[in-house]
Amino acid sequence: VANYGPHFSAEIQLFAAKGNVVLYMNPRGSDSYG
């Protein structure tokens, strides 16, 4: 029960810099949706 969002992420940026498309999501069970 946590959530990701449109925030700076060194890890995401480093993976993308290596040529990857990175997908991150808030599946059911995440908070911030009620």
PDB file of all heavy atoms in Angstrom:
ATOM      1  N   VAL A   1       0.864  -1.188   0.000  1.00  0.00           N
ATOM      2  CA  VAL A   1       0.000   0.000   0.000  1.00  0.00           C
ATOM      3  C   VAL A   1       0.896   1.232   0.000  1.00  0.00           C
ATOM      4  O   VAL A   1       1.311   1.733   1.048  1.00  0.00           O
ATOM      5  CB  VAL A   1      -0.950   0.001   1.205  1.00  0.00           C
ATOM      6  CG1 VAL A   1      -1.859   1.213   1.154  1.00  0.00           C
ATOM      7  CG2 VAL A   1      -1.798  -1.270   1.220  1.00  0.00           C
ATOM      8  N   ALA A   2       1.234   1.683  -1.183  1.00  0.00           N
ATOM      9  CA  ALA A   2       2.056   2.867  -1.401  1.00  0.00           C
ATOM     10  C   ALA A   2       1.702   3.354  -2.797  1.00  0.00           C
ATOM     11  O   ALA A   2       0.769   2.832  -3.427  1.00  0.00           O
ATOM     12  CB  ALA A   2       3.537   2.527  -1.280  1.00  0.00           C
ATOM     13  N   ASN A   3       2.413   4.353  -3.294  1.00  0.00           N
ATOM     14  CA  ASN A   3       2.118   4.787  -4.664  1.00  0.00           C
ATOM     15  C   ASN A   3       3.320   5.450  -5.303  1.00  0.00           C
ATOM     16  O   ASN A   3       4.120   6.106  -4.647  1.00  0.00           O
ATOM     17  CB  ASN A   3       0.907   5.731  -4.692  1.00  0.00           C
ATOM     18  CG  ASN A   3       1.173   7.054  -4.006  1.00  0.00           C
ATOM     19  OD1 ASN A   3       1.726   7.983  -4.582  1.00  0.00           O
ATOM     20  ND2 ASN A   3       0.764   7.154  -2.733  1.00  0.00           N
ATOM     21  N   TYR A   4       3.440   5.227  -6.602  1.00  0.00           N
ATOM     22  CA  TYR A   4       4.363   5.952  -7.458  1.00  0.00           C
ATOM     23  C   TYR A   4       3.621   7.134  -8.081  1.00  0.00           C
ATOM     24  O   TYR A   4       2.387   7.213  -8.023  1.00  0.00           O
ATOM     25  CB  TYR A   4       4.868   5.048  -8.578  1.00  0.00           C
ATOM     26  CG  TYR A   4       6.051   4.158  -8.243  1.00  0.00           C
ATOM     27  CD1 TYR A   4       6.363   3.076  -9.066  1.00  0.00           C
ATOM     28  CD2 TYR A   4       6.869   4.399  -7.149  1.00  0.00           C
ATOM     29  CE1 TYR A   4       7.455   2.255  -8.802  1.00  0.00           C
ATOM     30  CE2 TYR A   4       7.961   3.584  -6.890  1.00  0.00           C
ATOM     31  CZ  TYR A   4       8.244   2.518  -7.717  1.00  0.00           C
ATOM     32  OH  TYR A   4       9.326   1.712  -7.456  1.00  0.00           O
ATOM     33  N   GLY A   5       4.398   8.026  -8.688  1.00  0.00           N
ATOM     34  CA  GLY A   5       3.779   9.160  -9.358  1.00  0.00           C
ATOM     35  C   GLY A   5       4.750   9.852 -10.289  1.00  0.00           C
ATOM     36  O   GLY A   5       5.873   9.371 -10.513  1.00  0.00           O
ATOM     37  N   PRO A   6       4.362  11.001 -10.821  1.00  0.00           N
ATOM     38  CA  PRO A   6       5.221  11.731 -11.759  1.00  0.00           C
ATOM     39  C   PRO A   6       6.305  12.515 -11.018  1.00  0.00           C
ATOM     40  O   PRO A   6       6.285  13.748 -10.942  1.00  0.00           O
ATOM     41  CB  PRO A   6       4.230  12.662 -12.475  1.00  0.00           C
ATOM     42  CG  PRO A   6       3.163  12.915 -11.448  1.00  0.00           C
ATOM     43  CD  PRO A   6       3.045  11.649 -10.662  1.00  0.00           C
ATOM     44  N   HIS A   7       7.246  11.777 -10.450  1.00  0.00           N
ATOM     45  CA  HIS A   7       8.305  12.366  -9.636  1.00  0.00           C
ATOM     46  C   HIS A   7       9.664  11.944 -10.171  1.00  0.00           C
ATOM     47  O   HIS A   7       9.791  10.927 -10.846  1.00  0.00           O
ATOM     48  CB  HIS A   7       8.158  11.916  -8.179  1.00  0.00           C
ATOM     49  CG  HIS A   7       6.773  12.035  -7.643  1.00  0.00           C
ATOM     50  ND1 HIS A   7       6.137  13.246  -7.493  1.00  0.00           N
ATOM     51  CD2 HIS A   7       5.879  11.098  -7.251  1.00  0.00           C
ATOM     52  CE1 HIS A   7       4.918  13.053  -7.021  1.00  0.00           C
ATOM     53  NE2 HIS A   7       4.742  11.750  -6.873  1.00  0.00           N
ATOM     54  N   PHE A   8      10.692  12.726  -9.825  1.00  0.00           N
ATOM     55  CA  PHE A   8      12.039  12.394 -10.269  1.00  0.00           C
ATOM     56  C   PHE A   8      12.479  11.081  -9.639  1.00  0.00           C
ATOM     57  O   PHE A   8      12.294  10.851  -8.445  1.00  0.00           O
ATOM     58  CB  PHE A   8      13.021  13.495  -9.895  1.00  0.00           C
ATOM     59  CG  PHE A   8      14.423  13.221 -10.391  1.00  0.00           C
ATOM     60  CD1 PHE A   8      14.791  13.572 -11.676  1.00  0.00           C
ATOM     61  CD2 PHE A   8      15.362  12.597  -9.582  1.00  0.00           C
ATOM     62  CE1 PHE A   8      16.064  13.307 -12.153  1.00  0.00           C
ATOM     63  CE2 PHE A   8      16.642  12.322 -10.038  1.00  0.00           C
ATOM     64  CZ  PHE A   8      16.988  12.680 -11.329  1.00  0.00           C
ATOM     65  N   SER A   9      13.083  10.232 -10.436  1.00  0.00           N
ATOM     66  CA  SER A   9      13.602   8.952  -9.960  1.00  0.00           C
ATOM     67  C   SER A   9      14.941   8.692 -10.624  1.00  0.00           C
ATOM     68  O   SER A   9      15.014   8.511 -11.844  1.00  0.00           O
ATOM     69  CB  SER A   9      12.631   7.810 -10.295  1.00  0.00           C
ATOM     70  OG  SER A   9      13.259   6.561 -10.160  1.00  0.00           O
ATOM     71  N   ALA A  10      15.995   8.657  -9.822  1.00  0.00           N
ATOM     72  CA  ALA A  10      17.321   8.375 -10.376  1.00  0.00           C
ATOM     73  C   ALA A  10      17.360   6.991 -11.017  1.00  0.00           C
ATOM     74  O   ALA A  10      17.968   6.801 -12.070  1.00  0.00           O
ATOM     75  CB  ALA A  10      18.372   8.492  -9.282  1.00  0.00           C
ATOM     76  N   GLU A  11      16.698   6.015 -10.391  1.00  0.00           N
ATOM     77  CA  GLU A  11      16.725   4.658 -10.930  1.00  0.00           C
ATOM     78  C   GLU A  11      16.003   4.579 -12.275  1.00  0.00           C
ATOM     79  O   GLU A  11      16.514   3.983 -13.235  1.00  0.00           O
ATOM     80  CB  GLU A  11      16.112   3.681  -9.925  1.00  0.00           C
ATOM     81  CG  GLU A  11      16.922   3.552  -8.644  1.00  0.00           C
ATOM     82  CD  GLU A  11      16.381   2.505  -7.696  1.00  0.00           C
ATOM     83  OE1 GLU A  11      15.754   1.538  -8.174  1.00  0.00           O
ATOM     84  OE2 GLU A  11      16.579   2.641  -6.474  1.00  0.00           O
ATOM     85  N   ILE A  12      14.830   5.156 -12.359  1.00  0.00           N
ATOM     86  CA  ILE A  12      14.077   5.147 -13.627  1.00  0.00           C
ATOM     87  C   ILE A  12      14.873   5.862 -14.710  1.00  0.00           C
ATOM     88  O   ILE A  12      14.978   5.387 -15.862  1.00  0.00           O
ATOM     89  CB  ILE A  12      12.701   5.812 -13.436  1.00  0.00           C
ATOM     90  CG1 ILE A  12      11.852   5.049 -12.419  1.00  0.00           C
ATOM     91  CG2 ILE A  12      11.977   5.926 -14.774  1.00  0.00           C
ATOM     92  CD1 ILE A  12      11.502   3.645 -12.798  1.00  0.00           C
ATOM     93  N   GLN A  13      15.446   7.017 -14.371  1.00  0.00           N
ATOM     94  CA  GLN A  13      16.207   7.784 -15.361  1.00  0.00           C
ATOM     95  C   GLN A  13      17.445   7.021 -15.829  1.00  0.00           C
ATOM     96  O   GLN A  13      17.786   7.051 -17.020  1.00  0.00           O
ATOM     97  CB  GLN A  13      16.608   9.140 -14.771  1.00  0.00           C
ATOM     98  CG  GLN A  13      15.457  10.114 -14.576  1.00  0.00           C
ATOM     99  CD  GLN A  13      14.918  10.662 -15.896  1.00  0.00           C
ATOM    100  OE1 GLN A  13      15.580  10.576 -16.949  1.00  0.00           O
ATOM    101  NE2 GLN A  13      13.721  11.216 -15.851  1.00  0.00           N
ATOM    102  N   LEU A  14      18.114   6.327 -14.929  1.00  0.00           N
ATOM    103  CA  LEU A  14      19.300   5.567 -15.320  1.00  0.00           C
ATOM    104  C   LEU A  14      18.947   4.393 -16.226  1.00  0.00           C
ATOM    105  O   LEU A  14      19.665   4.099 -17.193  1.00  0.00           O
ATOM    106  CB  LEU A  14      20.038   5.074 -14.068  1.00  0.00           C
ATOM    107  CG  LEU A  14      20.806   6.155 -13.299  1.00  0.00           C
ATOM    108  CD1 LEU A  14      21.221   5.645 -11.925  1.00  0.00           C
ATOM    109  CD2 LEU A  14      22.033   6.614 -14.088  1.00  0.00           C
ATOM    110  N   PHE A  15      17.831   3.722 -15.948  1.00  0.00           N
ATOM    111  CA  PHE A  15      17.396   2.644 -16.840  1.00  0.00           C
ATOM    112  C   PHE A  15      17.044   3.195 -18.225  1.00  0.00           C
ATOM    113  O   PHE A  15      17.387   2.601 -19.246  1.00  0.00           O
ATOM    114  CB  PHE A  15      16.188   1.923 -16.250  1.00  0.00           C
ATOM    115  CG  PHE A  15      16.498   1.038 -15.070  1.00  0.00           C
ATOM    116  CD1 PHE A  15      15.685   1.046 -13.953  1.00  0.00           C
ATOM    117  CD2 PHE A  15      17.595   0.190 -15.090  1.00  0.00           C
ATOM    118  CE1 PHE A  15      15.959   0.238 -12.863  1.00  0.00           C
ATOM    119  CE2 PHE A  15      17.885  -0.624 -14.003  1.00  0.00           C
ATOM    120  CZ  PHE A  15      17.069  -0.600 -12.883  1.00  0.00           C
ATOM    121  N   ALA A  16      16.359   4.320 -18.255  1.00  0.00           N
ATOM    122  CA  ALA A  16      15.983   4.923 -19.545  1.00  0.00           C
ATOM    123  C   ALA A  16      17.213   5.384 -20.316  1.00  0.00           C
ATOM    124  O   ALA A  16      17.267   5.279 -21.548  1.00  0.00           O
ATOM    125  CB  ALA A  16      15.027   6.088 -19.316  1.00  0.00           C
ATOM    126  N   ALA A  17      18.216   5.884 -19.596  1.00  0.00           N
ATOM    127  CA  ALA A  17      19.447   6.338 -20.255  1.00  0.00           C
ATOM    128  C   ALA A  17      20.169   5.196 -20.953  1.00  0.00           C
ATOM    129  O   ALA A  17      20.955   5.418 -21.879  1.00  0.00           O
ATOM    130  CB  ALA A  17      20.372   6.997 -19.235  1.00  0.00           C
ATOM    131  N   LYS A  18      19.912   3.957 -20.536  1.00  0.00           N
ATOM    132  CA  LYS A  18      20.506   2.784 -21.188  1.00  0.00           C
ATOM    133  C   LYS A  18      19.680   2.301 -22.375  1.00  0.00           C
ATOM    134  O   LYS A  18      19.943   1.244 -22.939  1.00  0.00           O
ATOM    135  CB  LYS A  18      20.659   1.653 -20.169  1.00  0.00           C
ATOM    136  CG  LYS A  18      21.793   1.878 -19.192  1.00  0.00           C
ATOM    137  CD  LYS A  18      23.152   1.669 -19.843  1.00  0.00           C
ATOM    138  CE  LYS A  18      23.387   0.210 -20.164  1.00  0.00           C
ATOM    139  NZ  LYS A  18      24.684  -0.021 -20.835  1.00  0.00           N
ATOM    140  N   GLY A  19      18.658   3.067 -22.741  1.00  0.00           N
ATOM    141  CA  GLY A  19      17.889   2.725 -23.933  1.00  0.00           C
ATOM    142  C   GLY A  19      16.637   1.927 -23.675  1.00  0.00           C
ATOM    143  O   GLY A  19      16.049   1.380 -24.620  1.00  0.00           O
ATOM    144  N   ASN A  20      16.194   1.850 -22.418  1.00  0.00           N
ATOM    145  CA  ASN A  20      14.982   1.108 -22.090  1.00  0.00           C
ATOM    146  C   ASN A  20      13.768   2.030 -22.009  1.00  0.00           C
ATOM    147  O   ASN A  20      13.865   3.163 -21.531  1.00  0.00           O
ATOM    148  CB  ASN A  20      15.134   0.418 -20.728  1.00  0.00           C
ATOM    149  CG  ASN A  20      16.319  -0.514 -20.663  1.00  0.00           C
ATOM    150  OD1 ASN A  20      16.328  -1.564 -21.292  1.00  0.00           O
ATOM    151  ND2 ASN A  20      17.330  -0.144 -19.888  1.00  0.00           N
ATOM    152  N   VAL A  21      12.632   1.530 -22.426  1.00  0.00           N
ATOM    153  CA  VAL A  21      11.359   2.128 -22.048  1.00  0.00           C
ATOM    154  C   VAL A  21      11.010   1.542 -20.678  1.00  0.00           C
ATOM    155  O   VAL A  21      11.113   0.331 -20.473  1.00  0.00           O
ATOM    156  CB  VAL A  21      10.247   1.805 -23.066  1.00  0.00           C
ATOM    157  CG1 VAL A  21       8.884   2.270 -22.549  1.00  0.00           C
ATOM    158  CG2 VAL A  21      10.557   2.476 -24.399  1.00  0.00           C
ATOM    159  N   VAL A  22      10.647   2.401 -19.733  1.00  0.00           N
ATOM    160  CA  VAL A  22      10.354   1.946 -18.374  1.00  0.00           C
ATOM    161  C   VAL A  22       8.890   2.221 -18.057  1.00  0.00           C
ATOM    162  O   VAL A  22       8.411   3.345 -18.221  1.00  0.00           O
ATOM    163  CB  VAL A  22      11.253   2.631 -17.332  1.00  0.00           C
ATOM    164  CG1 VAL A  22      11.000   2.041 -15.942  1.00  0.00           C
ATOM    165  CG2 VAL A  22      12.729   2.492 -17.710  1.00  0.00           C
ATOM    166  N   LEU A  23       8.200   1.198 -17.609  1.00  0.00           N
ATOM    167  CA  LEU A  23       6.796   1.320 -17.216  1.00  0.00           C
ATOM    168  C   LEU A  23       6.688   1.136 -15.709  1.00  0.00           C
ATOM    169  O   LEU A  23       7.175   0.148 -15.166  1.00  0.00           O
ATOM    170  CB  LEU A  23       5.949   0.258 -17.924  1.00  0.00           C
ATOM    171  CG  LEU A  23       4.491   0.102 -17.455  1.00  0.00           C
ATOM    172  CD1 LEU A  23       3.677   1.358 -17.752  1.00  0.00           C
ATOM    173  CD2 LEU A  23       3.853  -1.130 -18.101  1.00  0.00           C
ATOM    174  N   TYR A  24       6.074   2.108 -15.038  1.00  0.00           N
ATOM    175  CA  TYR A  24       5.758   1.912 -13.621  1.00  0.00           C
ATOM    176  C   TYR A  24       4.300   2.297 -13.382  1.00  0.00           C
ATOM    177  O   TYR A  24       3.775   3.211 -14.007  1.00  0.00           O
ATOM    178  CB  TYR A  24       6.721   2.660 -12.707  1.00  0.00           C
ATOM    179  CG  TYR A  24       6.800   4.165 -12.832  1.00  0.00           C
ATOM    180  CD1 TYR A  24       6.027   4.996 -12.023  1.00  0.00           C
ATOM    181  CD2 TYR A  24       7.697   4.784 -13.711  1.00  0.00           C
ATOM    182  CE1 TYR A  24       6.132   6.378 -12.086  1.00  0.00           C
ATOM    183  CE2 TYR A  24       7.807   6.161 -13.787  1.00  0.00           C
ATOM    184  CZ  TYR A  24       7.020   6.961 -12.967  1.00  0.00           C
ATOM    185  OH  TYR A  24       7.114   8.326 -13.045  1.00  0.00           O
ATOM    186  N   MET A  25       3.653   1.553 -12.500  1.00  0.00           N
ATOM    187  CA  MET A  25       2.201   1.639 -12.351  1.00  0.00           C
ATOM    188  C   MET A  25       1.797   1.610 -10.878  1.00  0.00           C
ATOM    189  O   MET A  25       2.593   1.269 -10.002  1.00  0.00           O
ATOM    190  CB  MET A  25       1.534   0.465 -13.088  1.00  0.00           C
ATOM    191  CG  MET A  25       1.922   0.316 -14.539  1.00  0.00           C
ATOM    192  SD  MET A  25       1.270  -1.204 -15.266  1.00  0.00           S
ATOM    193  CE  MET A  25      -0.491  -0.869 -15.194  1.00  0.00           C
ATOM    194  N   ASN A  26       0.541   1.945 -10.636  1.00  0.00           N
ATOM    195  CA  ASN A  26      -0.078   1.800  -9.322  1.00  0.00           C
ATOM    196  C   ASN A  26      -1.197   0.768  -9.426  1.00  0.00           C
ATOM    197  O   ASN A  26      -2.370   1.110  -9.603  1.00  0.00           O
ATOM    198  CB  ASN A  26      -0.622   3.139  -8.822  1.00  0.00           C
ATOM    199  CG  ASN A  26       0.481   4.075  -8.379  1.00  0.00           C
ATOM    200  OD1 ASN A  26       1.554   3.636  -7.979  1.00  0.00           O
ATOM    201  ND2 ASN A  26       0.225   5.374  -8.444  1.00  0.00           N
ATOM    202  N   PRO A  27      -0.853  -0.515  -9.319  1.00  0.00           N
ATOM    203  CA  PRO A  27      -1.888  -1.547  -9.415  1.00  0.00           C
ATOM    204  C   PRO A  27      -2.814  -1.506  -8.211  1.00  0.00           C
ATOM    205  O   PRO A  27      -2.553  -0.801  -7.226  1.00  0.00           O
ATOM    206  CB  PRO A  27      -1.074  -2.849  -9.450  1.00  0.00           C
ATOM    207  CG  PRO A  27       0.184  -2.512  -8.708  1.00  0.00           C
ATOM    208  CD  PRO A  27       0.481  -1.083  -9.055  1.00  0.00           C
ATOM    209  N   ARG A  28      -3.895  -2.260  -8.273  1.00  0.00           N
ATOM    210  CA  ARG A  28      -4.843  -2.306  -7.152  1.00  0.00           C
ATOM    211  C   ARG A  28      -4.088  -2.610  -5.860  1.00  0.00           C
ATOM    212  O   ARG A  28      -3.136  -3.378  -5.836  1.00  0.00           O
ATOM    213  CB  ARG A  28      -5.929  -3.345  -7.408  1.00  0.00           C
ATOM    214  CG  ARG A  28      -5.475  -4.785  -7.410  1.00  0.00           C
ATOM    215  CD  ARG A  28      -6.564  -5.717  -7.884  1.00  0.00           C
ATOM    216  NE  ARG A  28      -6.854  -5.474  -9.303  1.00  0.00           N
ATOM    217  CZ  ARG A  28      -8.060  -5.588  -9.849  1.00  0.00           C
ATOM    218  NH1 ARG A  28      -9.092  -5.989  -9.107  1.00  0.00           N
ATOM    219  NH2 ARG A  28      -8.231  -5.340 -11.123  1.00  0.00           N
ATOM    220  N   GLY A  29      -4.548  -1.977  -4.787  1.00  0.00           N
ATOM    221  CA  GLY A  29      -3.836  -2.073  -3.519  1.00  0.00           C
ATOM    222  C   GLY A  29      -2.993  -0.851  -3.234  1.00  0.00           C
ATOM    223  O   GLY A  29      -2.630  -0.602  -2.082  1.00  0.00           O
ATOM    224  N   SER A  30      -2.665  -0.072  -4.269  1.00  0.00           N
ATOM    225  CA  SER A  30      -1.939   1.176  -4.062  1.00  0.00           C
ATOM    226  C   SER A  30      -2.839   2.164  -3.337  1.00  0.00           C
ATOM    227  O   SER A  30      -4.066   2.134  -3.485  1.00  0.00           O
ATOM    228  CB  SER A  30      -1.491   1.764  -5.399  1.00  0.00           C
ATOM    229  OG  SER A  30      -0.721   0.848  -6.149  1.00  0.00           O
ATOM    230  N   ASP A  31      -2.232   3.066  -2.562  1.00  0.00           N
ATOM    231  CA  ASP A  31      -3.044   4.122  -1.973  1.00  0.00           C
ATOM    232  C   ASP A  31      -3.084   5.329  -2.908  1.00  0.00           C
ATOM    233  O   ASP A  31      -2.521   5.297  -3.998  1.00  0.00           O
ATOM    234  CB  ASP A  31      -2.552   4.500  -0.579  1.00  0.00           C
ATOM    235  CG  ASP A  31      -1.109   4.986  -0.562  1.00  0.00           C
ATOM    236  OD1 ASP A  31      -0.504   5.125  -1.636  1.00  0.00           O
ATOM    237  OD2 ASP A  31      -0.585   5.212   0.542  1.00  0.00           O
ATOM    238  N   SER A  32      -3.794   6.354  -2.504  1.00  0.00           N
ATOM    239  CA  SER A  32      -4.042   7.609  -3.231  1.00  0.00           C
ATOM    240  C   SER A  32      -5.205   7.507  -4.217  1.00  0.00           C
ATOM    241  O   SER A  32      -5.457   8.430  -4.981  1.00  0.00           O
ATOM    242  CB  SER A  32      -2.786   8.127  -3.951  1.00  0.00           C
ATOM    243  OG  SER A  32      -2.497   7.464  -5.163  1.00  0.00           O
ATOM    244  N   TYR A  33      -5.952   6.380  -4.159  1.00  0.00           N
ATOM    245  CA  TYR A  33      -7.126   6.199  -5.020  1.00  0.00           C
ATOM    246  C   TYR A  33      -8.380   5.888  -4.200  1.00  0.00           C
ATOM    247  O   TYR A  33      -9.399   5.494  -4.754  1.00  0.00           O
ATOM    248  CB  TYR A  33      -6.881   5.077  -6.028  1.00  0.00           C
ATOM    249  CG  TYR A  33      -5.683   5.333  -6.915  1.00  0.00           C
ATOM    250  CD1 TYR A  33      -4.422   4.897  -6.538  1.00  0.00           C
ATOM    251  CD2 TYR A  33      -5.813   6.053  -8.102  1.00  0.00           C
ATOM    252  CE1 TYR A  33      -3.316   5.151  -7.320  1.00  0.00           C
ATOM    253  CE2 TYR A  33      -4.706   6.311  -8.890  1.00  0.00           C
ATOM    254  CZ  TYR A  33      -3.458   5.867  -8.492  1.00  0.00           C
ATOM    255  OH  TYR A  33      -2.357   6.138  -9.275  1.00  0.00           O
ATOM    256  N   GLY A  34      -8.295   6.033  -2.892  1.00  0.00           N
ATOM    257  CA  GLY A  34      -9.442   5.756  -2.046  1.00  0.00           C
ATOM    258  C   GLY A  34      -9.338   4.420  -1.337  1.00  0.00           C
ATOM    259  O   GLY A  34      -8.542   3.551  -1.689  1.00  0.00           O
TER     260      GLY A  34
END
